[in-house]
C-alpha atoms as a PDB file:
ATOM      1  CA  UNK A   1     118.504 131.410  75.801  1.00  0.00           C
ATOM      2  CA  UNK A   2     118.324 131.021  79.554  1.00  0.00           C
ATOM      3  CA  UNK A   3     119.863 128.028  81.196  1.00  0.00           C
ATOM      4  CA  UNK A   4     117.274 125.910  83.062  1.00  0.00           C
ATOM      5  CA  UNK A   5     117.462 125.728  86.786  1.00  0.00           C
ATOM      6  CA  UNK A   6     118.395 122.252  87.814  1.00  0.00           C
ATOM      7  CA  UNK A   7     117.486 120.774  91.174  1.00  0.00           C
ATOM      8  CA  UNK A   8     117.218 117.217  92.482  1.00  0.00           C
ATOM      9  CA  UNK A   9     114.157 116.334  94.538  1.00  0.00           C
ATOM     10  CA  UNK A  10     113.660 113.290  96.745  1.00  0.00           C
ATOM     11  CA  UNK A  11     110.139 112.263  97.954  1.00  0.00           C
ATOM     12  CA  UNK A  12     109.295 109.605 100.514  1.00  0.00           C
ATOM     13  CA  UNK A  13     106.039 107.936 101.404  1.00  0.00           C
ATOM     14  CA  UNK A  14     104.969 104.608 102.970  1.00  0.00           C
ATOM     15  CA  UNK A  15     103.493 101.844 100.849  1.00  0.00           C
ATOM     16  CA  UNK A  16     100.683  99.912 102.572  1.00  0.00           C
ATOM     17  CA  UNK A  17     101.996  96.333 102.815  1.00  0.00           C
ATOM     18  CA  UNK A  18      98.693  94.965 101.583  1.00  0.00           C
ATOM     19  CA  UNK A  19      99.064  96.995  98.325  1.00  0.00           C
ATOM     20  CA  UNK A  20     102.583  96.041  97.501  1.00  0.00           C
ATOM     21  CA  UNK A  21     101.897  93.528  94.709  1.00  0.00           C
ATOM     22  CA  UNK A  22      99.350  95.729  92.968  1.00  0.00           C
ATOM     23  CA  UNK A  23     101.467  98.914  93.256  1.00  0.00           C
ATOM     24  CA  UNK A  24     104.529  97.226  91.855  1.00  0.00           C
ATOM     25  CA  UNK A  25     102.561  95.720  89.009  1.00  0.00           C
ATOM     26  CA  UNK A  26     100.885  98.929  87.884  1.00  0.00           C
ATOM     27  CA  UNK A  27     104.221 100.679  87.860  1.00  0.00           C
ATOM     28  CA  UNK A  28     105.598  98.202  85.351  1.00  0.00           C
ATOM     29  CA  UNK A  29     103.539 100.092  82.795  1.00  0.00           C
ATOM     30  CA  UNK A  30     102.984 103.604  84.033  1.00  0.00           C
ATOM     31  CA  UNK A  31     100.455 105.484  81.919  1.00  0.00           C
ATOM     32  CA  UNK A  32     101.987 107.257  78.938  1.00  0.00           C
ATOM     33  CA  UNK A  33      99.974 110.451  79.640  1.00  0.00           C
ATOM     34  CA  UNK A  34     101.356 110.639  83.194  1.00  0.00           C
ATOM     35  CA  UNK A  35     104.904 110.314  81.852  1.00  0.00           C
ATOM     36  CA  UNK A  36     104.223 112.948  79.249  1.00  0.00           C
ATOM     37  CA  UNK A  37     102.919 115.344  81.867  1.00  0.00           C
ATOM     38  CA  UNK A  38     106.079 114.937  83.892  1.00  0.00           C
ATOM     39  CA  UNK A  39     108.219 115.601  80.804  1.00  0.00           C
ATOM     40  CA  UNK A  40     106.054 118.582  79.751  1.00  0.00           C
ATOM     41  CA  UNK A  41     106.546 120.134  83.149  1.00  0.00           C
ATOM     42  CA  UNK A  42     110.304 119.748  83.224  1.00  0.00           C
ATOM     43  CA  UNK A  43     110.712 116.596  85.246  1.00  0.00           C
ATOM     44  CA  UNK A  44     113.605 114.397  84.133  1.00  0.00           C
ATOM     45  CA  UNK A  45     115.305 111.248  85.331  1.00  0.00           C
ATOM     46  CA  UNK A  46     112.311 110.187  87.482  1.00  0.00           C
ATOM     47  CA  UNK A  47     112.448 106.940  89.393  1.00  0.00           C
ATOM     48  CA  UNK A  48     110.781 105.299  92.374  1.00  0.00           C
ATOM     49  CA  UNK A  49     112.614 102.761  94.523  1.00  0.00           C
ATOM     50  CA  UNK A  50     110.978 100.468  97.056  1.00  0.00           C
ATOM     51  CA  UNK A  51     112.660  99.652 100.371  1.00  0.00           C
ATOM     52  CA  UNK A  52     110.676  96.530 101.407  1.00  0.00           C
ATOM     53  CA  UNK A  53     111.777  96.145 105.030  1.00  0.00           C
ATOM     54  CA  UNK A  54     110.225  99.528 106.015  1.00  0.00           C
ATOM     55  CA  UNK A  55     107.620  99.696 103.170  1.00  0.00           C
ATOM     56  CA  UNK A  56     109.146 102.970 101.926  1.00  0.00           C
ATOM     57  CA  UNK A  57     108.715 104.389  98.442  1.00  0.00           C
ATOM     58  CA  UNK A  58     111.573 106.725  97.570  1.00  0.00           C
ATOM     59  CA  UNK A  59     111.136 108.839  94.486  1.00  0.00           C
ATOM     60  CA  UNK A  60     113.903 110.834  92.956  1.00  0.00           C
ATOM     61  CA  UNK A  61     113.825 113.270  89.977  1.00  0.00           C
ATOM     62  CA  UNK A  62     115.633 116.166  88.478  1.00  0.00           C
ATOM     63  CA  UNK A  63     113.732 119.423  87.873  1.00  0.00           C
ATOM     64  CA  UNK A  64     115.178 121.207  84.817  1.00  0.00           C
ATOM     65  CA  UNK A  65     112.755 124.160  84.381  1.00  0.00           C
ATOM     66  CA  UNK A  66     112.542 127.778  85.572  1.00  0.00           C
ATOM     67  CA  UNK A  67     109.220 127.886  87.504  1.00  0.00           C
ATOM     68  CA  UNK A  68     109.026 124.925  89.906  1.00  0.00           C
ATOM     69  CA  UNK A  69     105.760 125.790  91.617  1.00  0.00           C
ATOM     70  CA  UNK A  70     104.040 126.584  88.290  1.00  0.00           C
ATOM     71  CA  UNK A  71     105.213 123.279  86.847  1.00  0.00           C
ATOM     72  CA  UNK A  72     104.071 121.347  89.959  1.00  0.00           C
ATOM     73  CA  UNK A  73     100.684 123.008  89.633  1.00  0.00           C
ATOM     74  CA  UNK A  74     100.539 122.031  85.921  1.00  0.00           C
ATOM     75  CA  UNK A  75     101.223 118.395  86.800  1.00  0.00           C
ATOM     76  CA  UNK A  76      98.539 118.504  89.476  1.00  0.00           C
ATOM     77  CA  UNK A  77      95.997 119.909  86.948  1.00  0.00           C
ATOM     78  CA  UNK A  78      96.637 117.177  84.376  1.00  0.00           C
ATOM     79  CA  UNK A  79      93.517 114.925  84.205  1.00  0.00           C
ATOM     80  CA  UNK A  80      95.319 111.687  83.497  1.00  0.00           C
ATOM     81  CA  UNK A  81      97.791 112.337  86.362  1.00  0.00           C
ATOM     82  CA  UNK A  82      94.886 113.069  88.707  1.00  0.00           C
ATOM     83  CA  UNK A  83      93.285 109.737  87.722  1.00  0.00           C
ATOM     84  CA  UNK A  84      96.598 107.944  88.339  1.00  0.00           C
ATOM     85  CA  UNK A  85      96.841 109.522  91.763  1.00  0.00           C
ATOM     86  CA  UNK A  86      93.315 108.379  92.549  1.00  0.00           C
ATOM     87  CA  UNK A  87      94.396 104.852  91.904  1.00  0.00           C
ATOM     88  CA  UNK A  88      97.726 105.036  93.762  1.00  0.00           C
ATOM     89  CA  UNK A  89      97.008 107.327  96.720  1.00  0.00           C
ATOM     90  CA  UNK A  90      94.881 104.615  98.438  1.00  0.00           C
ATOM     91  CA  UNK A  91      97.937 102.318  98.386  1.00  0.00           C
ATOM     92  CA  UNK A  92     100.060 104.787 100.295  1.00  0.00           C
ATOM     93  CA  UNK A  93     100.292 106.382 103.756  1.00  0.00           C
ATOM     94  CA  UNK A  94     101.618 109.987 103.967  1.00  0.00           C
ATOM     95  CA  UNK A  95     103.997 111.067 106.697  1.00  0.00           C
ATOM     96  CA  UNK A  96     102.718 114.631 106.358  1.00  0.00           C
ATOM     97  CA  UNK A  97     100.245 115.816 108.944  1.00  0.00           C
ATOM     98  CA  UNK A  98      96.980 116.994 107.296  1.00  0.00           C
ATOM     99  CA  UNK A  99      97.768 115.433 103.874  1.00  0.00           C
ATOM    100  CA  UNK A 100      94.666 114.049 102.223  1.00  0.00           C
ATOM    101  CA  UNK A 101      96.019 113.000  98.854  1.00  0.00           C
ATOM    102  CA  UNK A 102      98.179 114.011  95.915  1.00  0.00           C
ATOM    103  CA  UNK A 103      97.397 117.477  94.621  1.00  0.00           C
ATOM    104  CA  UNK A 104      96.038 118.650  97.989  1.00  0.00           C
ATOM    105  CA  UNK A 105      97.037 121.750  99.964  1.00  0.00           C
ATOM    106  CA  UNK A 106      99.514 119.648 102.106  1.00  0.00           C
ATOM    107  CA  UNK A 107     102.131 117.646 100.268  1.00  0.00           C
ATOM    108  CA  UNK A 108     101.193 113.946 100.040  1.00  0.00           C
ATOM    109  CA  UNK A 109     104.803 112.816  99.711  1.00  0.00           C
ATOM    110  CA  UNK A 110     107.476 114.050 102.098  1.00  0.00           C
ATOM    111  CA  UNK A 111     109.698 116.232  99.859  1.00  0.00           C
ATOM    112  CA  UNK A 112     113.443 116.894 100.338  1.00  0.00           C
ATOM    113  CA  UNK A 113     115.641 118.800  97.975  1.00  0.00           C
ATOM    114  CA  UNK A 114     119.114 117.514  97.376  1.00  0.00           C
END
């Protein structure tokens, strides 16, 4: 059996100040289908932290699969995840030029590998 490739990924995006309360509230009970899609596509140890002074959302997760791009495409194709993104994208401001939303051609979150 092959050993999974493990890599840490950090993502950063700005939270619109006027959306802070709603964003934090909905994340107290993230949709089970979204969490299941992450797990199905080899995402582990996922967390989002909020740095209020700069309105930054900092996500961190461990990828434990073998085909990162294929798994990211799988997450983006998940209907419940897409509905979650429709709700949350309007609360965020991307730092990426040309980004139009999660699942688009340009990454919505700024991604950095660790």
